[in-house]
Amino acid sequence: MSDPGSDPRLLRLSIGLEDFHDLKRDLIEGFTKVLAIEKDLMSSKL
């Protein structure tokens, strides 16, 4: 859920009790997906 008044460039991160390696893997997976989307957007603008 996002706040319509918040800056879309901000990243909200909520961390509970979780294994460090699980958290690291999840963050890498998420950022990898973001990079893939950005790459697709950039290539469509060429």
PDB file of N, CA and C in Angstrom:
ATOM      1  N   MET A   1       0.850  -1.166   0.000  1.00  0.00           N
ATOM      2  CA  MET A   1       0.000   0.000   0.000  1.00  0.00           C
ATOM      3  C   MET A   1       0.900   1.234   0.000  1.00  0.00           C
ATOM      4  N   SER A   2       0.545   2.199  -0.834  1.00  0.00           N
ATOM      5  CA  SER A   2       1.364   3.407  -0.883  1.00  0.00           C
ATOM      6  C   SER A   2       0.529   4.635  -0.552  1.00  0.00           C
ATOM      7  N   ASP A   3       1.217   5.636  -0.088  1.00  0.00           N
ATOM      8  CA  ASP A   3       0.592   6.909   0.253  1.00  0.00           C
ATOM      9  C   ASP A   3       0.625   7.786  -0.997  1.00  0.00           C
ATOM     10  N   PRO A   4      -0.527   8.212  -1.507  1.00  0.00           N
ATOM     11  CA  PRO A   4      -0.532   9.012  -2.735  1.00  0.00           C
ATOM     12  C   PRO A   4       0.220  10.336  -2.598  1.00  0.00           C
ATOM     13  N   GLY A   5       0.434  10.793  -1.388  1.00  0.00           N
ATOM     14  CA  GLY A   5       1.151  12.042  -1.179  1.00  0.00           C
ATOM     15  C   GLY A   5       2.651  11.870  -1.001  1.00  0.00           C
ATOM     16  N   SER A   6       3.130  10.636  -1.002  1.00  0.00           N
ATOM     17  CA  SER A   6       4.557  10.409  -0.767  1.00  0.00           C
ATOM     18  C   SER A   6       5.351  10.508  -2.067  1.00  0.00           C
ATOM     19  N   ASP A   7       6.616  10.780  -1.932  1.00  0.00           N
ATOM     20  CA  ASP A   7       7.529  10.885  -3.068  1.00  0.00           C
ATOM     21  C   ASP A   7       7.737   9.491  -3.664  1.00  0.00           C
ATOM     22  N   PRO A   8       7.458   9.287  -4.964  1.00  0.00           N
ATOM     23  CA  PRO A   8       7.589   7.958  -5.564  1.00  0.00           C
ATOM     24  C   PRO A   8       9.032   7.462  -5.638  1.00  0.00           C
ATOM     25  N   ARG A   9       9.997   8.341  -5.370  1.00  0.00           N
ATOM     26  CA  ARG A   9      11.401   7.922  -5.386  1.00  0.00           C
ATOM     27  C   ARG A   9      11.842   7.316  -4.060  1.00  0.00           C
ATOM     28  N   LEU A  10      10.990   7.395  -3.047  1.00  0.00           N
ATOM     29  CA  LEU A  10      11.331   6.855  -1.737  1.00  0.00           C
ATOM     30  C   LEU A  10      11.090   5.356  -1.692  1.00  0.00           C
ATOM     31  N   LEU A  11      11.878   4.679  -0.903  1.00  0.00           N
ATOM     32  CA  LEU A  11      11.745   3.245  -0.700  1.00  0.00           C
ATOM     33  C   LEU A  11      11.343   3.007   0.744  1.00  0.00           C
ATOM     34  N   ARG A  12      10.233   2.339   0.938  1.00  0.00           N
ATOM     35  CA  ARG A  12       9.789   2.006   2.292  1.00  0.00           C
ATOM     36  C   ARG A  12      10.245   0.585   2.585  1.00  0.00           C
ATOM     37  N   LEU A  13      10.931   0.418   3.682  1.00  0.00           N
ATOM     38  CA  LEU A  13      11.477  -0.880   4.054  1.00  0.00           C
ATOM     39  C   LEU A  13      11.073  -1.179   5.483  1.00  0.00           C
ATOM     40  N   SER A  14      10.347  -2.257   5.660  1.00  0.00           N
ATOM     41  CA  SER A  14       9.910  -2.678   6.981  1.00  0.00           C
ATOM     42  C   SER A  14      10.573  -4.013   7.287  1.00  0.00           C
ATOM     43  N   ILE A  15      11.341  -4.055   8.346  1.00  0.00           N
ATOM     44  CA  ILE A  15      12.106  -5.257   8.678  1.00  0.00           C
ATOM     45  C   ILE A  15      11.672  -5.770  10.038  1.00  0.00           C
ATOM     46  N   GLY A  16      11.337  -7.031  10.075  1.00  0.00           N
ATOM     47  CA  GLY A  16      11.001  -7.676  11.333  1.00  0.00           C
ATOM     48  C   GLY A  16      12.133  -8.615  11.719  1.00  0.00           C
ATOM     49  N   LEU A  17      11.818  -9.593  12.505  1.00  0.00           N
ATOM     50  CA  LEU A  17      12.804 -10.602  12.866  1.00  0.00           C
ATOM     51  C   LEU A  17      12.914 -11.583  11.712  1.00  0.00           C
ATOM     52  N   GLU A  18      14.013 -11.513  11.015  1.00  0.00           N
ATOM     53  CA  GLU A  18      14.204 -12.331   9.828  1.00  0.00           C
ATOM     54  C   GLU A  18      15.685 -12.658   9.692  1.00  0.00           C
ATOM     55  N   ASP A  19      15.948 -13.799   9.110  1.00  0.00           N
ATOM     56  CA  ASP A  19      17.322 -14.201   8.862  1.00  0.00           C
ATOM     57  C   ASP A  19      17.962 -13.216   7.881  1.00  0.00           C
ATOM     58  N   PHE A  20      19.181 -12.800   8.168  1.00  0.00           N
ATOM     59  CA  PHE A  20      19.869 -11.828   7.323  1.00  0.00           C
ATOM     60  C   PHE A  20      19.951 -12.286   5.876  1.00  0.00           C
ATOM     61  N   HIS A  21      20.256 -13.552   5.653  1.00  0.00           N
ATOM     62  CA  HIS A  21      20.417 -14.058   4.293  1.00  0.00           C
ATOM     63  C   HIS A  21      19.092 -14.054   3.529  1.00  0.00           C
ATOM     64  N   ASP A  22      17.987 -14.324   4.220  1.00  0.00           N
ATOM     65  CA  ASP A  22      16.668 -14.248   3.582  1.00  0.00           C
ATOM     66  C   ASP A  22      16.358 -12.811   3.170  1.00  0.00           C
ATOM     67  N   LEU A  23      16.631 -11.878   4.065  1.00  0.00           N
ATOM     68  CA  LEU A  23      16.388 -10.468   3.780  1.00  0.00           C
ATOM     69  C   LEU A  23      17.257 -10.004   2.611  1.00  0.00           C
ATOM     70  N   LYS A  24      18.521 -10.367   2.640  1.00  0.00           N
ATOM     71  CA  LYS A  24      19.445  -9.995   1.570  1.00  0.00           C
ATOM     72  C   LYS A  24      18.964 -10.547   0.231  1.00  0.00           C
ATOM     73  N   ARG A  25      18.550 -11.807   0.211  1.00  0.00           N
ATOM     74  CA  ARG A  25      18.060 -12.437  -1.019  1.00  0.00           C
ATOM     75  C   ARG A  25      16.814 -11.718  -1.540  1.00  0.00           C
ATOM     76  N   ASP A  26      15.899 -11.387  -0.645  1.00  0.00           N
ATOM     77  CA  ASP A  26      14.669 -10.692  -1.042  1.00  0.00           C
ATOM     78  C   ASP A  26      14.969  -9.308  -1.622  1.00  0.00           C
ATOM     79  N   LEU A  27      15.891  -8.584  -1.004  1.00  0.00           N
ATOM     80  CA  LEU A  27      16.252  -7.258  -1.510  1.00  0.00           C
ATOM     81  C   LEU A  27      16.916  -7.351  -2.882  1.00  0.00           C
ATOM     82  N   ILE A  28      17.818  -8.302  -3.044  1.00  0.00           N
ATOM     83  CA  ILE A  28      18.477  -8.487  -4.341  1.00  0.00           C
ATOM     84  C   ILE A  28      17.450  -8.834  -5.409  1.00  0.00           C
ATOM     85  N   GLU A  29      16.516  -9.714  -5.083  1.00  0.00           N
ATOM     86  CA  GLU A  29      15.468 -10.097  -6.033  1.00  0.00           C
ATOM     87  C   GLU A  29      14.622  -8.878  -6.423  1.00  0.00           C
ATOM     88  N   GLY A  30      14.247  -8.089  -5.444  1.00  0.00           N
ATOM     89  CA  GLY A  30      13.435  -6.907  -5.719  1.00  0.00           C
ATOM     90  C   GLY A  30      14.164  -5.880  -6.568  1.00  0.00           C
ATOM     91  N   PHE A  31      15.412  -5.581  -6.223  1.00  0.00           N
ATOM     92  CA  PHE A  31      16.178  -4.606  -6.995  1.00  0.00           C
ATOM     93  C   PHE A  31      16.480  -5.118  -8.399  1.00  0.00           C
ATOM     94  N   THR A  32      16.677  -6.427  -8.548  1.00  0.00           N
ATOM     95  CA  THR A  32      16.896  -7.014  -9.871  1.00  0.00           C
ATOM     96  C   THR A  32      15.669  -6.812 -10.753  1.00  0.00           C
ATOM     97  N   LYS A  33      14.486  -6.991 -10.184  1.00  0.00           N
ATOM     98  CA  LYS A  33      13.249  -6.769 -10.944  1.00  0.00           C
ATOM     99  C   LYS A  33      13.101  -5.299 -11.328  1.00  0.00           C
ATOM    100  N   VAL A  34      13.425  -4.401 -10.409  1.00  0.00           N
ATOM    101  CA  VAL A  34      13.346  -2.971 -10.710  1.00  0.00           C
ATOM    102  C   VAL A  34      14.307  -2.621 -11.849  1.00  0.00           C
ATOM    103  N   LEU A  35      15.519  -3.143 -11.800  1.00  0.00           N
ATOM    104  CA  LEU A  35      16.491  -2.867 -12.857  1.00  0.00           C
ATOM    105  C   LEU A  35      16.018  -3.402 -14.203  1.00  0.00           C
ATOM    106  N   ALA A  36      15.390  -4.574 -14.217  1.00  0.00           N
ATOM    107  CA  ALA A  36      14.872  -5.146 -15.462  1.00  0.00           C
ATOM    108  C   ALA A  36      13.775  -4.257 -16.044  1.00  0.00           C
ATOM    109  N   ILE A  37      12.903  -3.755 -15.197  1.00  0.00           N
ATOM    110  CA  ILE A  37      11.835  -2.861 -15.656  1.00  0.00           C
ATOM    111  C   ILE A  37      12.432  -1.568 -16.210  1.00  0.00           C
ATOM    112  N   GLU A  38      13.401  -1.006 -15.501  1.00  0.00           N
ATOM    113  CA  GLU A  38      14.051   0.222 -15.964  1.00  0.00           C
ATOM    114  C   GLU A  38      14.743  -0.009 -17.307  1.00  0.00           C
ATOM    115  N   LYS A  39      15.397  -1.147 -17.453  1.00  0.00           N
ATOM    116  CA  LYS A  39      16.083  -1.480 -18.704  1.00  0.00           C
ATOM    117  C   LYS A  39      15.076  -1.559 -19.849  1.00  0.00           C
ATOM    118  N   ASP A  40      13.941  -2.203 -19.618  1.00  0.00           N
ATOM    119  CA  ASP A  40      12.899  -2.298 -20.641  1.00  0.00           C
ATOM    120  C   ASP A  40      12.365  -0.916 -21.011  1.00  0.00           C
ATOM    121  N   LEU A  41      12.150  -0.078 -20.015  1.00  0.00           N
ATOM    122  CA  LEU A  41      11.654   1.276 -20.283  1.00  0.00           C
ATOM    123  C   LEU A  41      12.658   2.090 -21.094  1.00  0.00           C
ATOM    124  N   MET A  42      13.930   1.966 -20.751  1.00  0.00           N
ATOM    125  CA  MET A  42      14.964   2.711 -21.467  1.00  0.00           C
ATOM    126  C   MET A  42      15.095   2.226 -22.908  1.00  0.00           C
ATOM    127  N   SER A  43      15.010   0.916 -23.132  1.00  0.00           N
ATOM    128  CA  SER A  43      15.157   0.388 -24.491  1.00  0.00           C
ATOM    129  C   SER A  43      13.950   0.741 -25.355  1.00  0.00           C
ATOM    130  N   SER A  44      12.787   0.911 -24.749  1.00  0.00           N
ATOM    131  CA  SER A  44      11.599   1.276 -25.530  1.00  0.00           C
ATOM    132  C   SER A  44      11.628   2.746 -25.941  1.00  0.00           C
ATOM    133  N   LYS A  45      12.463   3.540 -25.284  1.00  0.00           N
ATOM    134  CA  LYS A  45      12.567   4.964 -25.616  1.00  0.00           C
ATOM    135  C   LYS A  45      13.561   5.215 -26.745  1.00  0.00           C
ATOM    136  N   LEU A  46      14.331   4.205 -27.126  1.00  0.00           N
ATOM    137  CA  LEU A  46      15.351   4.403 -28.171  1.00  0.00           C
ATOM    138  C   LEU A  46      14.760   4.456 -29.539  1.00  0.00           C
TER     139      LEU A  46
END
